[in-house]
């Protein structure tokens, strides 16, 4: 059996309907065409935090550098966001450390993509050998109505005078680390 090659610049519907290309080739790259159905994943980007993070700044949102940037191809696109965050901790007894997902990443409650600044908090206390690390995940569908580069990121805000930490677990094992990720998917609207 011999190999066959099919060379095309566009894949379109049978009727060759205008603006219904499923895929197109231009400038050396294939891309999705305008005829791709709603709900199709158009692109995926990922960011991660693989080291621990701590701050003594309290009462303000602080960027932990767990972020990713995506540039939607159309204003009708949705961004499906999957975030894994965890090992959230405040060293001060009876005080919380909160975390939130921001876009853009800035110290402003108006930038929270989901909920309020009181979602997902962890109260401080002694970090003993038997304490179980806490992890959090969220899945969010955002409708940014933009074709500009959008950066989504995890930020934390501590209370009191303690040290706020994420991706942190120290019970005699300070080298324990988790991979905390953020994945952004552009979904055709």
C-alpha atoms as a PDB file:
ATOM      1  CA  UNK A   1       0.000   0.000   0.000  1.00  0.00           C
ATOM      2  CA  UNK A   2       1.423   3.373  -0.937  1.00  0.00           C
ATOM      3  CA  UNK A   3       1.220   6.523   1.155  1.00  0.00           C
ATOM      4  CA  UNK A   4      -1.073   9.282  -0.061  1.00  0.00           C
ATOM      5  CA  UNK A   5      -0.862  12.995   0.590  1.00  0.00           C
ATOM      6  CA  UNK A   6      -3.764  15.413   0.553  1.00  0.00           C
ATOM      7  CA  UNK A   7      -2.733  19.058   0.383  1.00  0.00           C
ATOM      8  CA  UNK A   8      -5.288  21.763   1.163  1.00  0.00           C
ATOM      9  CA  UNK A   9      -5.381  25.294   2.503  1.00  0.00           C
ATOM     10  CA  UNK A  10      -8.955  25.141   3.849  1.00  0.00           C
ATOM     11  CA  UNK A  11     -11.465  22.581   5.022  1.00  0.00           C
ATOM     12  CA  UNK A  12     -15.001  23.844   4.378  1.00  0.00           C
ATOM     13  CA  UNK A  13     -18.550  22.499   4.280  1.00  0.00           C
ATOM     14  CA  UNK A  14     -19.898  20.798   1.146  1.00  0.00           C
ATOM     15  CA  UNK A  15     -21.842  23.871   0.040  1.00  0.00           C
ATOM     16  CA  UNK A  16     -18.739  26.056   0.457  1.00  0.00           C
ATOM     17  CA  UNK A  17     -20.748  28.384   2.670  1.00  0.00           C
ATOM     18  CA  UNK A  18     -18.969  31.667   3.315  1.00  0.00           C
ATOM     19  CA  UNK A  19     -17.402  31.948   6.797  1.00  0.00           C
ATOM     20  CA  UNK A  20     -17.903  28.249   7.560  1.00  0.00           C
ATOM     21  CA  UNK A  21     -14.301  27.021   7.327  1.00  0.00           C
ATOM     22  CA  UNK A  22     -13.491  24.309   9.869  1.00  0.00           C
ATOM     23  CA  UNK A  23      -9.742  24.794   9.551  1.00  0.00           C
ATOM     24  CA  UNK A  24      -7.422  26.939   7.519  1.00  0.00           C
ATOM     25  CA  UNK A  25      -3.715  27.075   6.713  1.00  0.00           C
ATOM     26  CA  UNK A  26      -1.938  30.409   6.557  1.00  0.00           C
ATOM     27  CA  UNK A  27       1.591  31.651   7.208  1.00  0.00           C
ATOM     28  CA  UNK A  28       2.848  28.130   7.848  1.00  0.00           C
ATOM     29  CA  UNK A  29       0.288  27.283  10.550  1.00  0.00           C
ATOM     30  CA  UNK A  30      -3.077  25.560  10.817  1.00  0.00           C
ATOM     31  CA  UNK A  31      -5.797  27.277  12.811  1.00  0.00           C
ATOM     32  CA  UNK A  32      -9.450  26.702  13.568  1.00  0.00           C
ATOM     33  CA  UNK A  33     -11.785  28.334  11.068  1.00  0.00           C
ATOM     34  CA  UNK A  34     -14.916  30.356  11.715  1.00  0.00           C
ATOM     35  CA  UNK A  35     -17.160  27.332  11.102  1.00  0.00           C
ATOM     36  CA  UNK A  36     -16.016  25.448  14.212  1.00  0.00           C
ATOM     37  CA  UNK A  37     -19.058  24.723  16.407  1.00  0.00           C
ATOM     38  CA  UNK A  38     -19.682  26.481  19.722  1.00  0.00           C
ATOM     39  CA  UNK A  39     -18.135  24.647  22.666  1.00  0.00           C
ATOM     40  CA  UNK A  40     -14.968  23.683  20.786  1.00  0.00           C
ATOM     41  CA  UNK A  41     -11.699  24.133  22.703  1.00  0.00           C
ATOM     42  CA  UNK A  42      -9.640  26.570  20.625  1.00  0.00           C
ATOM     43  CA  UNK A  43      -6.486  26.830  22.742  1.00  0.00           C
ATOM     44  CA  UNK A  44      -5.068  25.752  26.107  1.00  0.00           C
ATOM     45  CA  UNK A  45      -2.401  27.434  28.260  1.00  0.00           C
ATOM     46  CA  UNK A  46      -1.027  26.420  31.652  1.00  0.00           C
ATOM     47  CA  UNK A  47       0.866  28.074  34.478  1.00  0.00           C
ATOM     48  CA  UNK A  48       2.134  26.706  37.764  1.00  0.00           C
ATOM     49  CA  UNK A  49       3.583  27.457  41.175  1.00  0.00           C
ATOM     50  CA  UNK A  50       6.132  24.789  42.072  1.00  0.00           C
ATOM     51  CA  UNK A  51       7.806  26.559  44.993  1.00  0.00           C
ATOM     52  CA  UNK A  52       6.419  27.714  48.310  1.00  0.00           C
ATOM     53  CA  UNK A  53       5.314  31.314  48.754  1.00  0.00           C
ATOM     54  CA  UNK A  54       5.038  33.394  51.902  1.00  0.00           C
ATOM     55  CA  UNK A  55       4.347  37.019  52.734  1.00  0.00           C
ATOM     56  CA  UNK A  56       4.000  39.138  55.860  1.00  0.00           C
ATOM     57  CA  UNK A  57       1.815  41.653  53.991  1.00  0.00           C
ATOM     58  CA  UNK A  58      -1.659  41.503  55.520  1.00  0.00           C
ATOM     59  CA  UNK A  59      -4.932  43.147  54.500  1.00  0.00           C
ATOM     60  CA  UNK A  60      -3.971  43.390  50.807  1.00  0.00           C
ATOM     61  CA  UNK A  61      -4.025  40.933  47.938  1.00  0.00           C
ATOM     62  CA  UNK A  62      -0.538  39.638  47.066  1.00  0.00           C
ATOM     63  CA  UNK A  63       0.412  37.947  43.778  1.00  0.00           C
ATOM     64  CA  UNK A  64       1.838  34.461  44.434  1.00  0.00           C
ATOM     65  CA  UNK A  65       3.043  34.074  40.813  1.00  0.00           C
ATOM     66  CA  UNK A  66       0.621  31.233  39.995  1.00  0.00           C
ATOM     67  CA  UNK A  67      -0.788  32.642  36.771  1.00  0.00           C
ATOM     68  CA  UNK A  68      -1.323  32.133  33.059  1.00  0.00           C
ATOM     69  CA  UNK A  69      -2.045  34.417  30.093  1.00  0.00           C
ATOM     70  CA  UNK A  70      -4.395  33.724  27.192  1.00  0.00           C
ATOM     71  CA  UNK A  71      -5.406  35.832  24.185  1.00  0.00           C
ATOM     72  CA  UNK A  72      -8.962  34.987  23.058  1.00  0.00           C
ATOM     73  CA  UNK A  73      -9.507  34.846  19.299  1.00  0.00           C
ATOM     74  CA  UNK A  74     -13.008  36.398  19.480  1.00  0.00           C
ATOM     75  CA  UNK A  75     -15.013  38.536  21.904  1.00  0.00           C
ATOM     76  CA  UNK A  76     -17.665  35.797  21.989  1.00  0.00           C
ATOM     77  CA  UNK A  77     -15.193  33.248  23.393  1.00  0.00           C
ATOM     78  CA  UNK A  78     -15.452  31.942  26.946  1.00  0.00           C
ATOM     79  CA  UNK A  79     -12.465  31.105  29.127  1.00  0.00           C
ATOM     80  CA  UNK A  80     -12.745  27.886  31.133  1.00  0.00           C
ATOM     81  CA  UNK A  81     -10.412  28.114  34.125  1.00  0.00           C
ATOM     82  CA  UNK A  82      -9.203  25.222  36.278  1.00  0.00           C
ATOM     83  CA  UNK A  83      -7.222  26.194  39.366  1.00  0.00           C
ATOM     84  CA  UNK A  84      -5.550  23.915  41.912  1.00  0.00           C
ATOM     85  CA  UNK A  85      -4.301  25.852  44.921  1.00  0.00           C
ATOM     86  CA  UNK A  86      -3.511  24.706  48.363  1.00  0.00           C
ATOM     87  CA  UNK A  87      -1.442  24.314  51.441  1.00  0.00           C
ATOM     88  CA  UNK A  88      -2.838  27.680  52.472  1.00  0.00           C
ATOM     89  CA  UNK A  89      -1.768  28.761  55.921  1.00  0.00           C
ATOM     90  CA  UNK A  90      -1.492  31.709  58.318  1.00  0.00           C
ATOM     91  CA  UNK A  91       1.107  31.443  61.078  1.00  0.00           C
ATOM     92  CA  UNK A  92      -0.958  33.563  63.502  1.00  0.00           C
ATOM     93  CA  UNK A  93      -3.448  31.681  65.669  1.00  0.00           C
ATOM     94  CA  UNK A  94      -7.096  32.386  64.817  1.00  0.00           C
ATOM     95  CA  UNK A  95      -6.356  34.451  61.702  1.00  0.00           C
ATOM     96  CA  UNK A  96      -7.198  33.559  58.111  1.00  0.00           C
ATOM     97  CA  UNK A  97      -5.371  33.590  54.835  1.00  0.00           C
ATOM     98  CA  UNK A  98      -7.758  33.940  51.890  1.00  0.00           C
ATOM     99  CA  UNK A  99      -7.127  33.179  48.261  1.00  0.00           C
ATOM    100  CA  UNK A 100      -8.838  34.379  45.157  1.00  0.00           C
ATOM    101  CA  UNK A 101      -8.559  34.254  41.379  1.00  0.00           C
ATOM    102  CA  UNK A 102      -7.982  37.661  39.803  1.00  0.00           C
ATOM    103  CA  UNK A 103      -8.097  39.057  36.278  1.00  0.00           C
ATOM    104  CA  UNK A 104      -6.172  41.235  35.889  1.00  0.00           C
ATOM    105  CA  UNK A 105      -3.781  40.262  38.678  1.00  0.00           C
ATOM    106  CA  UNK A 106      -3.950  43.316  40.959  1.00  0.00           C
ATOM    107  CA  UNK A 107      -4.773  44.235  44.565  1.00  0.00           C
ATOM    108  CA  UNK A 108      -8.421  45.078  43.892  1.00  0.00           C
ATOM    109  CA  UNK A 109     -11.551  43.169  44.983  1.00  0.00           C
ATOM    110  CA  UNK A 110     -13.213  44.297  41.731  1.00  0.00           C
ATOM    111  CA  UNK A 111     -10.805  41.968  39.858  1.00  0.00           C
ATOM    112  CA  UNK A 112     -12.036  38.816  41.599  1.00  0.00           C
ATOM    113  CA  UNK A 113     -13.228  36.443  38.893  1.00  0.00           C
ATOM    114  CA  UNK A 114     -15.248  34.344  41.299  1.00  0.00           C
ATOM    115  CA  UNK A 115     -17.072  35.178  44.527  1.00  0.00           C
ATOM    116  CA  UNK A 116     -15.845  37.469  47.248  1.00  0.00           C
ATOM    117  CA  UNK A 117     -12.610  37.827  49.134  1.00  0.00           C
ATOM    118  CA  UNK A 118     -14.045  35.587  51.887  1.00  0.00           C
ATOM    119  CA  UNK A 119     -14.096  32.440  49.780  1.00  0.00           C
ATOM    120  CA  UNK A 120     -11.619  29.663  50.515  1.00  0.00           C
ATOM    121  CA  UNK A 121      -9.805  30.727  53.634  1.00  0.00           C
ATOM    122  CA  UNK A 122      -7.644  28.833  56.082  1.00  0.00           C
ATOM    123  CA  UNK A 123      -7.328  29.733  59.731  1.00  0.00           C
ATOM    124  CA  UNK A 124      -3.926  29.691  61.407  1.00  0.00           C
ATOM    125  CA  UNK A 125      -2.751  27.569  64.248  1.00  0.00           C
ATOM    126  CA  UNK A 126       0.147  25.324  65.101  1.00  0.00           C
ATOM    127  CA  UNK A 127       1.325  23.361  62.053  1.00  0.00           C
ATOM    128  CA  UNK A 128       1.816  20.018  63.756  1.00  0.00           C
ATOM    129  CA  UNK A 129       3.026  16.725  62.406  1.00  0.00           C
ATOM    130  CA  UNK A 130      -0.551  15.394  62.236  1.00  0.00           C
ATOM    131  CA  UNK A 131      -2.127  18.366  60.463  1.00  0.00           C
ATOM    132  CA  UNK A 132      -3.495  17.516  57.028  1.00  0.00           C
ATOM    133  CA  UNK A 133      -2.577  19.915  54.202  1.00  0.00           C
ATOM    134  CA  UNK A 134      -5.616  21.565  52.638  1.00  0.00           C
ATOM    135  CA  UNK A 135      -6.010  21.934  48.893  1.00  0.00           C
ATOM    136  CA  UNK A 136      -8.608  23.842  46.906  1.00  0.00           C
ATOM    137  CA  UNK A 137      -9.790  23.574  43.323  1.00  0.00           C
ATOM    138  CA  UNK A 138     -12.133  25.691  41.299  1.00  0.00           C
ATOM    139  CA  UNK A 139     -13.608  25.502  37.825  1.00  0.00           C
ATOM    140  CA  UNK A 140     -14.885  28.766  36.414  1.00  0.00           C
ATOM    141  CA  UNK A 141     -16.343  29.798  33.055  1.00  0.00           C
ATOM    142  CA  UNK A 142     -15.494  33.450  32.436  1.00  0.00           C
ATOM    143  CA  UNK A 143     -16.926  35.646  29.652  1.00  0.00           C
ATOM    144  CA  UNK A 144     -14.312  38.393  29.225  1.00  0.00           C
ATOM    145  CA  UNK A 145     -15.615  39.831  25.885  1.00  0.00           C
ATOM    146  CA  UNK A 146     -12.049  40.601  24.819  1.00  0.00           C
ATOM    147  CA  UNK A 147      -9.420  39.745  22.219  1.00  0.00           C
ATOM    148  CA  UNK A 148      -6.608  41.244  24.308  1.00  0.00           C
ATOM    149  CA  UNK A 149      -4.102  39.203  26.309  1.00  0.00           C
ATOM    150  CA  UNK A 150      -5.715  38.294  29.658  1.00  0.00           C
ATOM    151  CA  UNK A 151      -3.700  37.221  32.690  1.00  0.00           C
ATOM    152  CA  UNK A 152      -5.483  35.218  35.387  1.00  0.00           C
ATOM    153  CA  UNK A 153      -3.688  34.587  38.664  1.00  0.00           C
ATOM    154  CA  UNK A 154      -4.008  33.380  42.226  1.00  0.00           C
ATOM    155  CA  UNK A 155      -3.544  35.948  44.979  1.00  0.00           C
ATOM    156  CA  UNK A 156      -3.631  35.602  48.753  1.00  0.00           C
ATOM    157  CA  UNK A 157      -4.621  38.029  51.502  1.00  0.00           C
ATOM    158  CA  UNK A 158      -3.658  37.503  55.126  1.00  0.00           C
ATOM    159  CA  UNK A 159      -5.241  38.775  58.314  1.00  0.00           C
ATOM    160  CA  UNK A 160      -3.560  39.780  61.561  1.00  0.00           C
ATOM    161  CA  UNK A 161       0.188  39.895  62.029  1.00  0.00           C
ATOM    162  CA  UNK A 162       1.066  36.385  60.865  1.00  0.00           C
ATOM    163  CA  UNK A 163       2.869  35.096  57.812  1.00  0.00           C
ATOM    164  CA  UNK A 164       0.538  33.962  55.022  1.00  0.00           C
ATOM    165  CA  UNK A 165       1.707  31.056  52.915  1.00  0.00           C
ATOM    166  CA  UNK A 166       0.610  28.924  49.994  1.00  0.00           C
ATOM    167  CA  UNK A 167       2.178  25.718  48.701  1.00  0.00           C
ATOM    168  CA  UNK A 168       3.638  25.384  52.179  1.00  0.00           C
ATOM    169  CA  UNK A 169       3.842  22.414  54.491  1.00  0.00           C
ATOM    170  CA  UNK A 170       6.472  22.214  57.193  1.00  0.00           C
ATOM    171  CA  UNK A 171       6.113  19.583  59.840  1.00  0.00           C
ATOM    172  CA  UNK A 172       9.732  18.527  59.881  1.00  0.00           C
ATOM    173  CA  UNK A 173       9.622  18.067  56.111  1.00  0.00           C
ATOM    174  CA  UNK A 174      10.378  21.507  54.684  1.00  0.00           C
ATOM    175  CA  UNK A 175      11.296  20.041  51.300  1.00  0.00           C
ATOM    176  CA  UNK A 176       7.727  18.813  50.636  1.00  0.00           C
ATOM    177  CA  UNK A 177       6.308  20.623  47.596  1.00  0.00           C
ATOM    178  CA  UNK A 178       3.175  20.370  45.534  1.00  0.00           C
ATOM    179  CA  UNK A 179       2.619  21.464  41.948  1.00  0.00           C
ATOM    180  CA  UNK A 180      -0.199  24.017  41.997  1.00  0.00           C
ATOM    181  CA  UNK A 181      -1.531  24.792  38.543  1.00  0.00           C
ATOM    182  CA  UNK A 182      -3.805  27.073  36.574  1.00  0.00           C
ATOM    183  CA  UNK A 183      -5.136  25.982  33.191  1.00  0.00           C
ATOM    184  CA  UNK A 184      -6.977  28.316  30.807  1.00  0.00           C
ATOM    185  CA  UNK A 185      -9.007  27.030  27.857  1.00  0.00           C
ATOM    186  CA  UNK A 186     -10.554  29.241  25.199  1.00  0.00           C
ATOM    187  CA  UNK A 187     -13.991  27.867  24.339  1.00  0.00           C
ATOM    188  CA  UNK A 188     -15.738  28.965  21.151  1.00  0.00           C
ATOM    189  CA  UNK A 189     -18.869  30.965  22.027  1.00  0.00           C
END
